[in-house]
Amino acid sequence: MLATDIDSATASAAAAGGAEKRAYVKRIFSEIAPRYDLLNHVLSLNVDRRWRKAAIGELGVERDPSGSYLDLCAGTLDVARALSATAGFQGLVIGADFAEPMLTVGAKKVSRGKVAPVTADAIELPVAAQSLSGAIVAFGIRNVAGLDECLAEIFRVLTPGARFVILEFSTPRMRIVRAFYLFYFRYILPLIGRLVSGHRTAYTYLPRSVANFPVEEELARRMRAAGFVNVRWSSLSFGIAAIHVGERARSRENGAR
């Protein structure tokens, strides 16, 4: 079997949530870190900037502008940087990611006074219980090896009333849009990603990981199962991406979990 075939098989297993997912994801994102930002903007035609802005808006930092917030699976800290630059923001953004090279690239873009990069796993955060005013994850939660464990961990670190916002790719429901989207995701995106990044499988893994990620209704159900209330979701760009929002309840019954 050729090395390319072996890499492709590993990517498929990782995308499906195999035992090797954590190690594979950590390795590929460490390897593509230097060109990650460029590829994000090129492959999304810069629409990803607008999606991130919309997700940050859902976080509601104006409710506690001096609080501490988590940018989970922070990558090169694009969300952390934008969040810390929000008008009136006086708090701290913890940018957590287990691929340290990604954080190293991102650290050059942020103010150390407002953003603290931390190398950490999404299912075992070095953060005290009920200490954060909100959390957000953009295009990273589908890469976590253990979605339910991750949701439970985020719930643990949020204060009652705090919001958790998920921005993630989804599969369009409209037939025409879905057909174009799948063709682009399966054939064009991996080709461009491979040429620009020089990585053989990173951008083959991406569409496969999206295909294996729960649909919007299922993700909302699992957020509720983790304890989140007022869970809602909205589609972006004809269903290419979606924003999910949930809160840790203020009530004694749910807030004490």
C-alpha atoms as a PDB file:
ATOM      1  CA  MET A   1       0.000   0.000   0.000  1.00  0.00           C
ATOM      2  CA  LEU A   2       1.306   3.464  -0.883  1.00  0.00           C
ATOM      3  CA  ALA A   3       2.082   5.989   1.867  1.00  0.00           C
ATOM      4  CA  THR A   4      -0.625   8.266   0.457  1.00  0.00           C
ATOM      5  CA  ASP A   5      -3.179   5.460   0.816  1.00  0.00           C
ATOM      6  CA  ILE A   6      -2.103   4.836   4.402  1.00  0.00           C
ATOM      7  CA  ASP A   7      -2.400   8.547   5.227  1.00  0.00           C
ATOM      8  CA  SER A   8      -5.829   8.694   3.611  1.00  0.00           C
ATOM      9  CA  ALA A   9      -7.015   5.685   5.593  1.00  0.00           C
ATOM     10  CA  THR A  10      -5.773   7.286   8.818  1.00  0.00           C
ATOM     11  CA  ALA A  11      -7.559  10.531   7.942  1.00  0.00           C
ATOM     12  CA  SER A  12     -10.798   8.625   7.348  1.00  0.00           C
ATOM     13  CA  ALA A  13     -10.525   6.764  10.649  1.00  0.00           C
ATOM     14  CA  ALA A  14      -9.745   9.979  12.522  1.00  0.00           C
ATOM     15  CA  ALA A  15     -12.651  11.814  10.903  1.00  0.00           C
ATOM     16  CA  ALA A  16     -14.976   9.015  11.993  1.00  0.00           C
ATOM     17  CA  GLY A  17     -13.789   9.383  15.581  1.00  0.00           C
ATOM     18  CA  GLY A  18     -11.355   6.491  15.715  1.00  0.00           C
ATOM     19  CA  ALA A  19      -8.913   5.933  18.556  1.00  0.00           C
ATOM     20  CA  GLU A  20      -6.212   7.720  16.582  1.00  0.00           C
ATOM     21  CA  LYS A  21      -8.232  10.921  16.175  1.00  0.00           C
ATOM     22  CA  ARG A  22      -6.592  12.921  18.959  1.00  0.00           C
ATOM     23  CA  ALA A  23      -3.033  12.172  17.846  1.00  0.00           C
ATOM     24  CA  TYR A  24      -3.849  12.671  14.165  1.00  0.00           C
ATOM     25  CA  VAL A  25      -5.594  16.026  14.680  1.00  0.00           C
ATOM     26  CA  LYS A  26      -2.811  17.313  16.911  1.00  0.00           C
ATOM     27  CA  ARG A  27      -0.195  16.311  14.343  1.00  0.00           C
ATOM     28  CA  ILE A  28      -1.837  17.728  11.229  1.00  0.00           C
ATOM     29  CA  PHE A  29      -2.726  21.082  12.777  1.00  0.00           C
ATOM     30  CA  SER A  30       0.792  21.409  14.144  1.00  0.00           C
ATOM     31  CA  GLU A  31       2.135  20.738  10.642  1.00  0.00           C
ATOM     32  CA  ILE A  32      -0.112  23.194   8.767  1.00  0.00           C
ATOM     33  CA  ALA A  33       0.109  25.983  11.380  1.00  0.00           C
ATOM     34  CA  PRO A  34       2.342  28.333   9.288  1.00  0.00           C
ATOM     35  CA  ARG A  35      -0.214  28.528   6.447  1.00  0.00           C
ATOM     36  CA  TYR A  36      -3.404  27.922   8.380  1.00  0.00           C
ATOM     37  CA  ASP A  37      -4.668  31.527   8.323  1.00  0.00           C
ATOM     38  CA  LEU A  38      -4.018  31.960   4.610  1.00  0.00           C
ATOM     39  CA  LEU A  39      -5.819  28.739   3.770  1.00  0.00           C
ATOM     40  CA  ASN A  40      -8.826  29.608   5.933  1.00  0.00           C
ATOM     41  CA  HIS A  41      -9.386  32.870   4.097  1.00  0.00           C
ATOM     42  CA  VAL A  42      -8.644  31.481   0.636  1.00  0.00           C
ATOM     43  CA  LEU A  43     -10.770  28.364   0.959  1.00  0.00           C
ATOM     44  CA  SER A  44     -13.761  30.234   2.412  1.00  0.00           C
ATOM     45  CA  LEU A  45     -13.381  33.237   0.064  1.00  0.00           C
ATOM     46  CA  ASN A  46     -12.982  35.323   3.249  1.00  0.00           C
ATOM     47  CA  VAL A  47     -16.512  34.492   4.403  1.00  0.00           C
ATOM     48  CA  ASP A  48     -15.029  32.935   7.540  1.00  0.00           C
ATOM     49  CA  ARG A  49     -14.323  36.427   8.899  1.00  0.00           C
ATOM     50  CA  ARG A  50     -18.023  37.295   8.765  1.00  0.00           C
ATOM     51  CA  TRP A  51     -18.994  33.992  10.364  1.00  0.00           C
ATOM     52  CA  ARG A  52     -16.604  34.535  13.261  1.00  0.00           C
ATOM     53  CA  LYS A  53     -17.907  38.063  13.806  1.00  0.00           C
ATOM     54  CA  ALA A  54     -21.476  36.738  13.984  1.00  0.00           C
ATOM     55  CA  ALA A  55     -20.481  34.041  16.471  1.00  0.00           C
ATOM     56  CA  ILE A  56     -18.678  36.512  18.720  1.00  0.00           C
ATOM     57  CA  GLY A  57     -21.764  38.703  18.664  1.00  0.00           C
ATOM     58  CA  GLU A  58     -23.803  35.806  20.077  1.00  0.00           C
ATOM     59  CA  LEU A  59     -21.447  35.496  23.039  1.00  0.00           C
ATOM     60  CA  GLY A  60     -22.850  38.685  24.595  1.00  0.00           C
ATOM     61  CA  VAL A  61     -19.648  40.016  26.151  1.00  0.00           C
ATOM     62  CA  GLU A  62     -21.386  43.310  26.850  1.00  0.00           C
ATOM     63  CA  ARG A  63     -23.109  41.534  29.748  1.00  0.00           C
ATOM     64  CA  ASP A  64     -19.750  41.150  31.509  1.00  0.00           C
ATOM     65  CA  PRO A  65     -17.059  43.113  29.631  1.00  0.00           C
ATOM     66  CA  SER A  66     -14.465  42.611  32.376  1.00  0.00           C
ATOM     67  CA  GLY A  67     -14.931  38.858  32.663  1.00  0.00           C
ATOM     68  CA  SER A  68     -12.717  35.981  31.538  1.00  0.00           C
ATOM     69  CA  TYR A  69     -13.697  34.161  28.340  1.00  0.00           C
ATOM     70  CA  LEU A  70     -12.509  30.976  26.671  1.00  0.00           C
ATOM     71  CA  ASP A  71     -11.608  30.606  23.000  1.00  0.00           C
ATOM     72  CA  LEU A  72     -11.595  26.818  22.748  1.00  0.00           C
ATOM     73  CA  CYS A  73      -9.609  25.029  20.033  1.00  0.00           C
ATOM     74  CA  ALA A  74      -8.224  28.509  19.516  1.00  0.00           C
ATOM     75  CA  GLY A  75      -5.777  27.657  16.737  1.00  0.00           C
ATOM     76  CA  THR A  76      -3.998  30.801  15.607  1.00  0.00           C
ATOM     77  CA  LEU A  77      -6.124  32.963  17.927  1.00  0.00           C
ATOM     78  CA  ASP A  78      -8.232  34.745  15.309  1.00  0.00           C
ATOM     79  CA  VAL A  79     -11.333  34.565  17.499  1.00  0.00           C
ATOM     80  CA  ALA A  80      -9.408  35.517  20.639  1.00  0.00           C
ATOM     81  CA  ARG A  81      -7.971  38.552  18.884  1.00  0.00           C
ATOM     82  CA  ALA A  82     -11.361  39.683  17.559  1.00  0.00           C
ATOM     83  CA  LEU A  83     -13.058  39.074  20.897  1.00  0.00           C
ATOM     84  CA  SER A  84     -10.431  41.013  22.823  1.00  0.00           C
ATOM     85  CA  ALA A  85     -10.869  43.930  20.384  1.00  0.00           C
ATOM     86  CA  THR A  86     -14.631  44.126  20.956  1.00  0.00           C
ATOM     87  CA  ALA A  87     -15.701  47.634  21.900  1.00  0.00           C
ATOM     88  CA  GLY A  88     -15.714  48.079  25.668  1.00  0.00           C
ATOM     89  CA  PHE A  89     -14.015  44.740  26.372  1.00  0.00           C
ATOM     90  CA  GLN A  90     -11.796  44.948  29.466  1.00  0.00           C
ATOM     91  CA  GLY A  91     -11.444  41.302  30.378  1.00  0.00           C
ATOM     92  CA  LEU A  92      -9.211  38.383  29.440  1.00  0.00           C
ATOM     93  CA  VAL A  93      -9.501  35.793  26.673  1.00  0.00           C
ATOM     94  CA  ILE A  94      -7.942  32.398  27.343  1.00  0.00           C
ATOM     95  CA  GLY A  95      -6.990  30.849  24.004  1.00  0.00           C
ATOM     96  CA  ALA A  96      -6.764  27.088  24.570  1.00  0.00           C
ATOM     97  CA  ASP A  97      -5.497  24.593  22.007  1.00  0.00           C
ATOM     98  CA  PHE A  98      -3.531  21.350  22.276  1.00  0.00           C
ATOM     99  CA  ALA A  99      -1.519  22.052  19.085  1.00  0.00           C
ATOM    100  CA  GLU A 100       1.137  24.396  20.456  1.00  0.00           C
ATOM    101  CA  PRO A 101       2.535  25.421  17.032  1.00  0.00           C
ATOM    102  CA  MET A 102      -0.858  26.946  16.208  1.00  0.00           C
ATOM    103  CA  LEU A 103      -0.752  29.064  19.355  1.00  0.00           C
ATOM    104  CA  THR A 104       2.837  30.063  18.601  1.00  0.00           C
ATOM    105  CA  VAL A 105       1.764  31.461  15.227  1.00  0.00           C
ATOM    106  CA  GLY A 106      -1.236  33.214  16.778  1.00  0.00           C
ATOM    107  CA  ALA A 107       0.681  34.729  19.694  1.00  0.00           C
ATOM    108  CA  LYS A 108       2.310  37.176  17.298  1.00  0.00           C
ATOM    109  CA  LYS A 109      -1.098  38.667  16.467  1.00  0.00           C
ATOM    110  CA  VAL A 110      -2.537  39.332  19.937  1.00  0.00           C
ATOM    111  CA  SER A 111      -2.033  41.590  22.904  1.00  0.00           C
ATOM    112  CA  ARG A 112      -0.648  39.618  25.825  1.00  0.00           C
ATOM    113  CA  GLY A 113      -2.544  41.879  28.214  1.00  0.00           C
ATOM    114  CA  LYS A 114      -5.890  40.717  26.853  1.00  0.00           C
ATOM    115  CA  VAL A 115      -5.180  37.254  25.440  1.00  0.00           C
ATOM    116  CA  ALA A 116      -3.518  34.356  27.246  1.00  0.00           C
ATOM    117  CA  PRO A 117      -2.567  31.397  25.002  1.00  0.00           C
ATOM    118  CA  VAL A 118      -2.709  28.093  26.893  1.00  0.00           C
ATOM    119  CA  THR A 119      -1.723  24.649  25.614  1.00  0.00           C
ATOM    120  CA  ALA A 120      -4.571  22.470  26.823  1.00  0.00           C
ATOM    121  CA  ASP A 121      -6.907  19.662  25.812  1.00  0.00           C
ATOM    122  CA  ALA A 122     -10.575  20.521  25.260  1.00  0.00           C
ATOM    123  CA  ILE A 123     -11.730  17.738  27.567  1.00  0.00           C
ATOM    124  CA  GLU A 124      -9.374  18.618  30.432  1.00  0.00           C
ATOM    125  CA  LEU A 125      -9.061  22.372  30.820  1.00  0.00           C
ATOM    126  CA  PRO A 126      -6.748  23.918  33.441  1.00  0.00           C
ATOM    127  CA  VAL A 127      -9.564  26.236  34.511  1.00  0.00           C
ATOM    128  CA  ALA A 128     -11.469  26.377  37.792  1.00  0.00           C
ATOM    129  CA  ALA A 129     -15.135  25.385  37.889  1.00  0.00           C
ATOM    130  CA  GLN A 130     -17.646  28.186  37.289  1.00  0.00           C
ATOM    131  CA  SER A 131     -14.919  30.752  36.621  1.00  0.00           C
ATOM    132  CA  LEU A 132     -15.592  31.902  33.036  1.00  0.00           C
ATOM    133  CA  SER A 133     -18.111  34.436  31.764  1.00  0.00           C
ATOM    134  CA  GLY A 134     -18.456  32.699  28.406  1.00  0.00           C
ATOM    135  CA  ALA A 135     -16.848  30.322  25.924  1.00  0.00           C
ATOM    136  CA  ILE A 136     -16.685  30.056  22.157  1.00  0.00           C
ATOM    137  CA  VAL A 137     -15.298  27.516  19.703  1.00  0.00           C
ATOM    138  CA  ALA A 138     -14.976  28.211  15.985  1.00  0.00           C
ATOM    139  CA  PHE A 139     -14.441  25.312  13.563  1.00  0.00           C
ATOM    140  CA  GLY A 140     -12.773  23.198  16.204  1.00  0.00           C
ATOM    141  CA  ILE A 141     -15.282  21.152  18.148  1.00  0.00           C
ATOM    142  CA  ARG A 142     -15.662  18.561  15.387  1.00  0.00           C
ATOM    143  CA  ASN A 143     -11.947  17.817  15.868  1.00  0.00           C
ATOM    144  CA  VAL A 144     -12.305  16.975  19.546  1.00  0.00           C
ATOM    145  CA  ALA A 145     -11.918  13.314  20.470  1.00  0.00           C
ATOM    146  CA  GLY A 146     -14.943  13.118  22.745  1.00  0.00           C
ATOM    147  CA  LEU A 147     -17.720  15.600  21.946  1.00  0.00           C
ATOM    148  CA  ASP A 148     -19.864  14.854  24.997  1.00  0.00           C
ATOM    149  CA  GLU A 149     -16.861  15.044  27.321  1.00  0.00           C
ATOM    150  CA  CYS A 150     -15.966  18.400  25.784  1.00  0.00           C
ATOM    151  CA  LEU A 151     -19.485  19.774  26.276  1.00  0.00           C
ATOM    152  CA  ALA A 152     -19.443  18.638  29.897  1.00  0.00           C
ATOM    153  CA  GLU A 153     -16.065  20.275  30.456  1.00  0.00           C
ATOM    154  CA  ILE A 154     -17.253  23.595  29.029  1.00  0.00           C
ATOM    155  CA  PHE A 155     -20.356  23.413  31.202  1.00  0.00           C
ATOM    156  CA  ARG A 156     -18.119  22.864  34.239  1.00  0.00           C
ATOM    157  CA  VAL A 157     -16.041  26.018  33.761  1.00  0.00           C
ATOM    158  CA  LEU A 158     -18.894  28.443  32.991  1.00  0.00           C
ATOM    159  CA  THR A 159     -20.560  30.639  35.581  1.00  0.00           C
ATOM    160  CA  PRO A 160     -24.366  30.452  35.848  1.00  0.00           C
ATOM    161  CA  GLY A 161     -25.871  32.556  33.067  1.00  0.00           C
ATOM    162  CA  ALA A 162     -22.764  32.326  30.868  1.00  0.00           C
ATOM    163  CA  ARG A 163     -23.095  31.418  27.204  1.00  0.00           C
ATOM    164  CA  PHE A 164     -21.335  28.825  25.085  1.00  0.00           C
ATOM    165  CA  VAL A 165     -21.199  29.523  21.346  1.00  0.00           C
ATOM    166  CA  ILE A 166     -20.277  26.948  18.706  1.00  0.00           C
ATOM    167  CA  LEU A 167     -19.461  27.951  15.127  1.00  0.00           C
ATOM    168  CA  GLU A 168     -19.052  24.909  12.933  1.00  0.00           C
ATOM    169  CA  PHE A 169     -19.418  23.693   9.375  1.00  0.00           C
ATOM    170  CA  SER A 170     -22.626  21.913   8.462  1.00  0.00           C
ATOM    171  CA  THR A 171     -24.102  20.294   5.364  1.00  0.00           C
ATOM    172  CA  PRO A 172     -26.637  22.452   3.445  1.00  0.00           C
ATOM    173  CA  ARG A 173     -30.188  21.101   3.258  1.00  0.00           C
ATOM    174  CA  MET A 174     -31.075  22.704  -0.110  1.00  0.00           C
ATOM    175  CA  ARG A 175     -30.365  20.173  -2.863  1.00  0.00           C
ATOM    176  CA  ILE A 176     -28.653  22.539  -5.309  1.00  0.00           C
ATOM    177  CA  VAL A 177     -26.529  24.216  -2.648  1.00  0.00           C
ATOM    178  CA  ARG A 178     -25.626  20.831  -1.136  1.00  0.00           C
ATOM    179  CA  ALA A 179     -24.531  19.442  -4.508  1.00  0.00           C
ATOM    180  CA  PHE A 180     -22.211  22.386  -5.167  1.00  0.00           C
ATOM    181  CA  TYR A 181     -20.958  22.368  -1.590  1.00  0.00           C
ATOM    182  CA  LEU A 182     -20.135  18.648  -1.595  1.00  0.00           C
ATOM    183  CA  PHE A 183     -18.344  18.894  -4.939  1.00  0.00           C
ATOM    184  CA  TYR A 184     -16.243  21.797  -3.656  1.00  0.00           C
ATOM    185  CA  PHE A 185     -15.564  20.146  -0.295  1.00  0.00           C
ATOM    186  CA  ARG A 186     -14.662  16.741  -1.702  1.00  0.00           C
ATOM    187  CA  TYR A 187     -12.617  17.740  -4.752  1.00  0.00           C
ATOM    188  CA  ILE A 188     -11.650  21.426  -4.960  1.00  0.00           C
ATOM    189  CA  LEU A 189     -10.885  22.172  -1.296  1.00  0.00           C
ATOM    190  CA  PRO A 190      -8.556  19.177  -0.746  1.00  0.00           C
ATOM    191  CA  LEU A 191      -6.672  20.009  -3.938  1.00  0.00           C
ATOM    192  CA  ILE A 192      -6.127  23.672  -3.052  1.00  0.00           C
ATOM    193  CA  GLY A 193      -5.371  22.791   0.554  1.00  0.00           C
ATOM    194  CA  ARG A 194      -2.781  20.213  -0.474  1.00  0.00           C
ATOM    195  CA  LEU A 195      -1.090  22.584  -2.944  1.00  0.00           C
ATOM    196  CA  VAL A 196      -0.887  25.544  -0.559  1.00  0.00           C
ATOM    197  CA  SER A 197      -0.164  23.715   2.695  1.00  0.00           C
ATOM    198  CA  GLY A 198       1.996  20.951   1.253  1.00  0.00           C
ATOM    199  CA  HIS A 199       0.167  18.488   3.511  1.00  0.00           C
ATOM    200  CA  ARG A 200      -1.167  15.322   1.868  1.00  0.00           C
ATOM    201  CA  THR A 201      -4.205  14.621   4.059  1.00  0.00           C
ATOM    202  CA  ALA A 202      -5.095  17.615   6.252  1.00  0.00           C
ATOM    203  CA  TYR A 203      -7.624  18.970   3.789  1.00  0.00           C
ATOM    204  CA  THR A 204      -8.921  15.524   2.945  1.00  0.00           C
ATOM    205  CA  TYR A 205      -9.685  15.049   6.624  1.00  0.00           C
ATOM    206  CA  LEU A 206     -11.660  18.314   6.821  1.00  0.00           C
ATOM    207  CA  PRO A 207     -14.671  17.379   4.629  1.00  0.00           C
ATOM    208  CA  ARG A 208     -14.736  13.893   6.124  1.00  0.00           C
ATOM    209  CA  SER A 209     -14.814  15.307   9.639  1.00  0.00           C
ATOM    210  CA  VAL A 210     -17.731  17.565   8.697  1.00  0.00           C
ATOM    211  CA  ALA A 211     -19.631  14.629   7.205  1.00  0.00           C
ATOM    212  CA  ASN A 212     -19.197  12.691  10.463  1.00  0.00           C
ATOM    213  CA  PHE A 213     -20.166  15.580  12.753  1.00  0.00           C
ATOM    214  CA  PRO A 214     -23.698  15.631  14.222  1.00  0.00           C
ATOM    215  CA  VAL A 215     -26.334  17.602  12.303  1.00  0.00           C
ATOM    216  CA  GLU A 216     -27.628  20.786  13.897  1.00  0.00           C
ATOM    217  CA  GLU A 217     -30.564  19.198  15.732  1.00  0.00           C
ATOM    218  CA  GLU A 218     -28.394  16.420  17.152  1.00  0.00           C
ATOM    219  CA  LEU A 219     -25.714  18.826  18.348  1.00  0.00           C
ATOM    220  CA  ALA A 220     -28.400  20.921  20.048  1.00  0.00           C
ATOM    221  CA  ARG A 221     -29.751  17.771  21.742  1.00  0.00           C
ATOM    222  CA  ARG A 222     -26.326  16.834  23.031  1.00  0.00           C
ATOM    223  CA  MET A 223     -25.777  20.354  24.356  1.00  0.00           C
ATOM    224  CA  ARG A 224     -29.021  20.037  26.316  1.00  0.00           C
ATOM    225  CA  ALA A 225     -27.940  16.612  27.574  1.00  0.00           C
ATOM    226  CA  ALA A 226     -24.753  18.241  28.907  1.00  0.00           C
ATOM    227  CA  GLY A 227     -26.872  20.664  30.927  1.00  0.00           C
ATOM    228  CA  PHE A 228     -27.153  23.698  28.679  1.00  0.00           C
ATOM    229  CA  VAL A 229     -30.461  25.543  28.486  1.00  0.00           C
ATOM    230  CA  ASN A 230     -31.960  28.013  26.021  1.00  0.00           C
ATOM    231  CA  VAL A 231     -30.163  26.107  23.278  1.00  0.00           C
ATOM    232  CA  ARG A 232     -30.743  27.464  19.785  1.00  0.00           C
ATOM    233  CA  TRP A 233     -29.031  27.361  16.430  1.00  0.00           C
ATOM    234  CA  SER A 234     -29.060  29.308  13.180  1.00  0.00           C
ATOM    235  CA  SER A 235     -27.711  28.575   9.703  1.00  0.00           C
ATOM    236  CA  LEU A 236     -25.169  30.704   7.879  1.00  0.00           C
ATOM    237  CA  SER A 237     -24.628  31.063   4.123  1.00  0.00           C
ATOM    238  CA  PHE A 238     -27.396  28.674   3.030  1.00  0.00           C
ATOM    239  CA  GLY A 239     -26.404  26.091   5.625  1.00  0.00           C
ATOM    240  CA  ILE A 240     -22.684  25.880   4.951  1.00  0.00           C
ATOM    241  CA  ALA A 241     -22.072  26.682   8.614  1.00  0.00           C
ATOM    242  CA  ALA A 242     -24.161  27.015  11.741  1.00  0.00           C
ATOM    243  CA  ILE A 243     -24.008  28.817  15.072  1.00  0.00           C
ATOM    244  CA  HIS A 244     -25.238  27.041  18.200  1.00  0.00           C
ATOM    245  CA  VAL A 245     -25.783  28.918  21.460  1.00  0.00           C
ATOM    246  CA  GLY A 246     -26.462  27.497  24.906  1.00  0.00           C
ATOM    247  CA  GLU A 247     -26.355  28.830  28.459  1.00  0.00           C
ATOM    248  CA  ARG A 248     -25.564  27.515  31.883  1.00  0.00           C
ATOM    249  CA  ALA A 249     -28.807  28.109  33.764  1.00  0.00           C
ATOM    250  CA  ARG A 250     -29.055  30.606  36.595  1.00  0.00           C
ATOM    251  CA  SER A 251     -31.543  28.464  38.489  1.00  0.00           C
ATOM    252  CA  ARG A 252     -30.523  26.627  41.638  1.00  0.00           C
ATOM    253  CA  GLU A 253     -31.383  23.249  40.128  1.00  0.00           C
ATOM    254  CA  ASN A 254     -29.303  23.553  36.937  1.00  0.00           C
ATOM    255  CA  GLY A 255     -26.783  26.134  38.017  1.00  0.00           C
ATOM    256  CA  ALA A 256     -25.461  23.962  40.841  1.00  0.00           C
ATOM    257  CA  ARG A 257     -24.525  21.120  38.523  1.00  0.00           C
END
